[in-house]
Protein backbone atom coordinates (compact mmCIF):
# COMPACT_ATOMS: atom_id res chain seq x y z
CA MET A 1 34.01 14.30 -21.35
CA GLU A 2 32.16 11.07 -21.28
CA ILE A 3 28.47 10.77 -20.13
CA ILE A 4 27.82 8.53 -17.28
CA GLU A 5 24.69 6.32 -17.38
CA MET A 6 23.71 5.89 -13.94
CA ASN A 7 21.33 2.84 -14.48
CA PHE A 8 21.51 -0.94 -14.23
CA LYS A 9 22.26 -1.05 -18.10
CA ASN A 10 25.40 0.15 -17.24
CA PRO A 11 27.85 -2.58 -16.14
CA VAL A 12 30.06 -0.36 -13.95
CA VAL A 13 26.85 0.62 -12.08
CA ARG A 14 25.84 -3.04 -11.77
CA MET A 15 29.13 -4.05 -10.62
CA TRP A 16 29.36 -1.33 -7.95
CA PHE A 17 25.82 -2.23 -6.48
CA TYR A 18 27.03 -5.96 -6.39
CA THR A 19 30.28 -5.50 -4.50
CA VAL A 20 30.77 -1.99 -2.96
CA PHE A 21 26.96 -1.06 -1.95
CA PRO A 22 26.46 -4.20 0.15
CA MET A 23 29.79 -3.76 1.55
CA ILE A 24 28.66 -0.68 3.69
CA PRO A 25 25.93 -2.30 5.89
CA VAL A 26 28.12 -5.48 6.36
CA GLU A 27 30.67 -3.19 7.65
CA ILE A 28 28.60 -1.22 9.91
CA ILE A 29 27.03 -4.46 11.48
CA LEU A 30 30.59 -6.02 11.68
CA LEU A 31 31.97 -3.10 13.57
CA LEU A 32 29.12 -2.99 15.94
CA ILE A 33 29.48 -6.73 16.64
CA LEU A 34 33.21 -7.60 16.70
CA PRO A 35 35.43 -6.52 19.46
CA MET A 36 37.95 -3.56 18.76
CA GLN A 37 40.87 -5.79 18.12
CA TYR A 38 39.38 -7.25 15.11
CA HIS A 39 38.23 -4.09 13.50
CA TYR A 40 41.45 -3.96 11.07
CA PHE A 41 40.33 -7.20 9.42
CA ILE A 42 36.91 -5.30 8.42
CA PHE A 43 39.33 -2.27 6.87
CA ILE A 44 41.50 -4.79 5.31
CA GLY A 45 38.39 -6.76 3.62
CA LYS A 46 36.97 -3.18 2.66
CA ALA A 47 40.32 -2.18 1.04
CA PHE A 48 40.35 -5.57 -0.83
CA LEU A 49 36.92 -5.33 -2.22
CA LEU A 50 37.38 -1.58 -3.32
CA ALA A 51 40.67 -2.63 -4.98
CA ALA A 52 39.16 -5.57 -6.73
CA PHE A 53 36.38 -3.51 -8.15
CA TYR A 54 38.98 -0.83 -9.41
CA VAL A 55 41.01 -3.41 -11.07
CA TRP A 56 37.70 -4.88 -12.52
CA TYR A 57 37.11 -1.34 -13.70
CA LEU A 58 40.41 -0.92 -15.42
CA TYR A 59 40.25 -4.23 -17.04
CA TYR A 60 36.69 -3.41 -18.41
CA LYS A 61 37.69 -0.06 -19.52
CA LYS A 62 40.69 -1.33 -21.29
CA LYS A 63 38.77 -4.30 -22.88
CA LYS A 64 36.08 -1.70 -23.99
CA ALA A 65 38.55 0.71 -25.56
CA ALA A 66 40.11 -2.10 -27.54
CA ASN A 67 36.85 -2.75 -29.20
């Protein structure tokens, strides 16, 4: 099992804080501001950002394993 370094030297933690973490307050604000009929756009955007982060993580892991 690999030990995970939870600081900003770890690129995965940095990328998570740059992409996923800011999404949480933005989502809450948009859910409060926008009418109910537009909430699915917020969830689609959240799903897209999470998928983009996961794809980047898989790419990073594969690149790291190749080295």
